[in-house]
Each structure stands twice: as C-alpha cells, then as structure tokens.
C-alpha cells in the first residue's frame, strides 16, 4: 500500500527555494607560516593536557504528554429477539422459544454443535488444565539471614518552620506514594507564621512533594481511601473532618461543620469497609467517636460517648487517642484512651450504654497505638507509656505478653502484615525496635537508631518490606528490612498461634488464682467484721442489763419511800424510834445489798411483807 502525505500549505509559506549546482573546489585564501612570529611566543615544556577517554554526553529532559483516563459506562440490553416479541414479557418469550424448538433448522444446528461440545466436555473430564497440584501447601522461603534494615530515602518538611510528622498513610495501589500529615501538637505554642500544608510524596522523588494538601487547620491524621486511591480523609487540629480528591486539586473537597465536629484535635480516623466506600469514623480527646459519610459530611451520622460508667455524660468521658477497626469483625471497634484504658465497643448495640462492651486496664499513660494482629484478630497490640503489650480478648484482667520497661517513652507501634509474630515500635530517643517473638521475646530482634530526633509515628507497607518513620522535626525516613523480617517463615503461623494460646491459658490460670485469693481475703475480712459485731452486741447486752437493774432498783426504793411516808401519816409520830423497826429496816437494807451483790432481784411484795411484820411488832411494844 502506497503511503501518501498531502501538504496543505501554499508554496509561498515554505520559504526561499534552494538551488544547488555541482562545481570544482576553489581556494579562497592561503596563509603561509611566518618564522618571525615565533619570537613572540614562549615554548612551554612540559605540557599537561587532560584527555577524556569516554565520549561526551549531554542530558536533556523531555516531558511527555500524560495519558488521560476516563470512566465510561456501557448499557447492556438483551438482544436477539424479534421486534414483535417483548423480552420483558415472560409468556411471549416462552411462546417464541417453543416455536423455535420445533423448527427443523434449530434441531439440526443443535445436533451438529452437540457433537463438538460433547468432545470438549470429554477432554475436560479427562484432564483438568486448571488444576493446582500444590495448592494446599504454602510457598515458604527459609532464610537464615540475620535481621537487618537500611535507610533508602529521607523526606524532609520543605517549610522553614519545622513541624512534627504526626501521621503516615501508604497509597493503596502499588504503595509508591506516601501521604504525610504535618502538625504542631504543642498546645498554644505553634508559631503564628506556621504553614498548614501536608504533602503526598513520590518514593522516587524525595526532593519535592508531588501534591500539597491545603487544610484550614493543621492535619493530625491523614488516611487514603482503600477503595478509591484519589480520596483522602484528614482529621484537623480544630476538630473538623476534611476530605480531598486529588483529581480536583489541593483544596479541601468536603469539610464538616464546626458546630457538629469534635471539640479537640482528631487523633484517629479510619475508613470502614462499606459498599459505597464513603463511610468512616473518627475519635478525639473530647471523648466522642463519630461516624461520617463523606457524601454528606456536614454532620455525623452517629456519635458514641466514651463514658465507661455508662451514664452517657460527656464530662465523664475518656479522651480517645487511637482507633482500631477490623473488616472481618464489622460490628466491633476498639478505642485507646488517654487514661491507658482500652475500650471494646459494639456498634450495633441498641443503647449508648450497651455499646461499651468491656475495658482492658494495663497502661500508665495514653495509648498511642492500637492494632489487631492481621492473622489472629482475637489478639491485639497496644503501645503506651514505656511498654508494648499484647492482649487477648479472652483475658480481660491483664495482658498476655508485654515488653520490658524502656528508658525512653514509646510513641507508636504496628504489626507486620506478612509475619504474625513480628511487630515494630518507635521510641522518643529516635530508635526503631523490631520484635520477633519466634526468635526471642525478652529483647528486640533488631534495634536501629533512625535519627537523633524523637520518632512520633510509624507505618508499614503492605508487603512488609518498607517502613516509614516520622520524626518531631518533620523528617520521614524510609527503611527497607531484610528478607528474614519480611518473609513468612516455616510453621510460623502455628508457632505464633501456640505462643498466644499458651500465654492466654497462663493468664487465665493466674486470674483464677488471684480471684480465689481475693475471695479468701474477703471472707476473712467479713469474718473479722462479724466477730467485732458479736463483741459489740455482747457489750451492748451487758450495758442494757445494768441499766435495767438500776432502773428496777430505783423503782423499788421510790415505792418503799412512798409507802413509808403513807404509814407515817397514818400513825402518830413516835418520840423515839423503835429498836424493832430499826432492826427490821437494817435487815431489809442488808438483804437488798446482798441481793445486789449477788446480781439478784428483790420482789416488791417481799419488801412489803417485811415492812408489815415490822409494823405489827412495833404496835405490840408499849410506848
């Protein structure tokens, strides 16, 4: 095929025409050498001359045109039906099928194609070309390489006033980009001229960020949407929730209203695994966990107050620092608080009080990291104060494993996405610790000094090879770990499972023993209280008996005095007291004293009889 290109320009637009002709060479000038000119020059001996053996190269940059992608929809309509048959009507389609099936052409075509199809089916039954012979066995590489890590890139905050790298997020497609949130967490000590921008970095270009995100307030958290890599969710220092679409530029695409947002900085944001991919939830130190839909982000769809007393009072709520949500457990989420308590919640509960399921106590300060094990979601990791702890949902009173108390404060931690027994922690002295529970449990398998500044955040790539660490001065260091730390070892899953189960059983035994000891101590304390009550009751009984006796004898003596007074009024007053009466009174007093000493009681009738006898004897005596 002849290729013809048609020029549409006029001849006058081509420029002046060039006319070439062939002729002999001509000598225009010939300058002969002049020996007299040699006196004007000085001979240089020796002469040093540099010679480059390689060919000279030049470098040029060319910006190719970007490939633009568009999303197009295809509307599929069922075809193959005649015009007079409506495919939506079931009766018409059945009637048409019966009519076609009775046609001889249709029967012959089915018979011809049936033999070919039967041959193919027999081939498939004979040999399964898609069979995987070793599908049950996992491909495990055994490496004896010592654990190591090396720095491959450093991303520095381009602003003059350095800010803390507070949060990191990997790009979900390919992990070739890294989003970094920059903020100053020192309350009311941020410089007035501080820039609020956060950046998305390309791993191949550490000199300049790819995109700058421009929020209205500094970002504390920043997360990529796992379903749409162009959408990012950010939690601001002023409590608002912001959303970006990188296809639309650097400005905020959606922003929550200030009156329905958090009252404190947003320290945790997580995307939910929903059908739309637009649902998320956030946590703040104001004690609230809020659910959002970025399609209508003006106000939250649901709010949970972190009040462990279940009174739903915001003033008693615990400040939330970290969040955890596992897609395999869609109704559960966990919150790490400023007070060192982990709160396990159930989103589908009917009331606010029922949404708080249980609590885990173990840290002395804020819980900066909270993450479930990707292989065993029942076990989760917490990082706070000077230790990192591993918990089991079956043991609520204590963690099943924990690290030693370090000299420096721990700031963040994360599990390895490829190895169930490996996790990472960062410290305020700029050290990254890599723990391998299969290798050793008392000390980290590898401790690496990343920088001199305190490390604030940590994020592991999905393949487990790259680790990003953010520092106080905004420097993000990219580390590559050795294959021994990023490759699943032989039988590691079974070993890690046995370790977690063994430690869980041990903690359950210790909990049962402590529970028995507490019950015994409680029983002893209750027994001592009962003895004290019995002693007090006995003392009270003796006092009551004594008071009753005193009151009884007072009644007796008062009655005696009254009767004596009445007897004296009836009889004339004698000059001298009868000796018999004196003896009778003395005898009565002696008997009363003896009865009092013996703890007995003298009856009133007996005293009256004695008085009457004394009176009769007195009457018989002449005056």
Foldseek 3Di string as FASTA:
>chain_A
DDDDDDDPDDPVVVDDDDDDDDDDDDDDDDDDDDPVCVVVDDDDPPDDDDDDPDDDDDDDDDDDDDDDDDDDDDDDDDDDDDPVADPVDPVSVVVVVVVVVPDPVSVVVCVVVVVVVVVVVVVCVVDPPPDDPCPPDDDFDADPDAKDKDFDDKAFDPDPQFFFFQEKEAQLPPRQKIWTFTDHPPPPPDDPPDAQWTAIDGNVDRPDGPAIAHDPAGFNYKYAQNVDRQKMWTWGQQFKIFMGGPVVGRYTPAIAASVQGDRGTWQEKDFAPDPVSQKIWTFFQLQKIFIAGRVPRNHTPDIAGQQLVLPPDSVRHFGFRYKEDDNVQRQWIWTWGQQQKIWIAGNPDDDNSNRGPAIAHDARGTWNEWYAQLVDRQWIWTFFFQKIFIAGPVFRHYTLAMEDRDPFHWAYKDAQLAARQWIWTFTQQQKIFIAGVVVPRHGGSDIDRHDRGTWHYKDADNQRQWIWIIGRRGMITIMGMDVVRRTYHPCRVVVVVVSNVVSVVVSVVVVVVVVVVVVVVVVVVVVVVVVVVVVVVVVVVVVVLVVVVVVQVVVLVVVVVVVVVVVPVVDDDDPDDDPLQVVLVVVVVVVVVVCVVVVHDDDSVVNVVSNVVSVVVVVVDDD
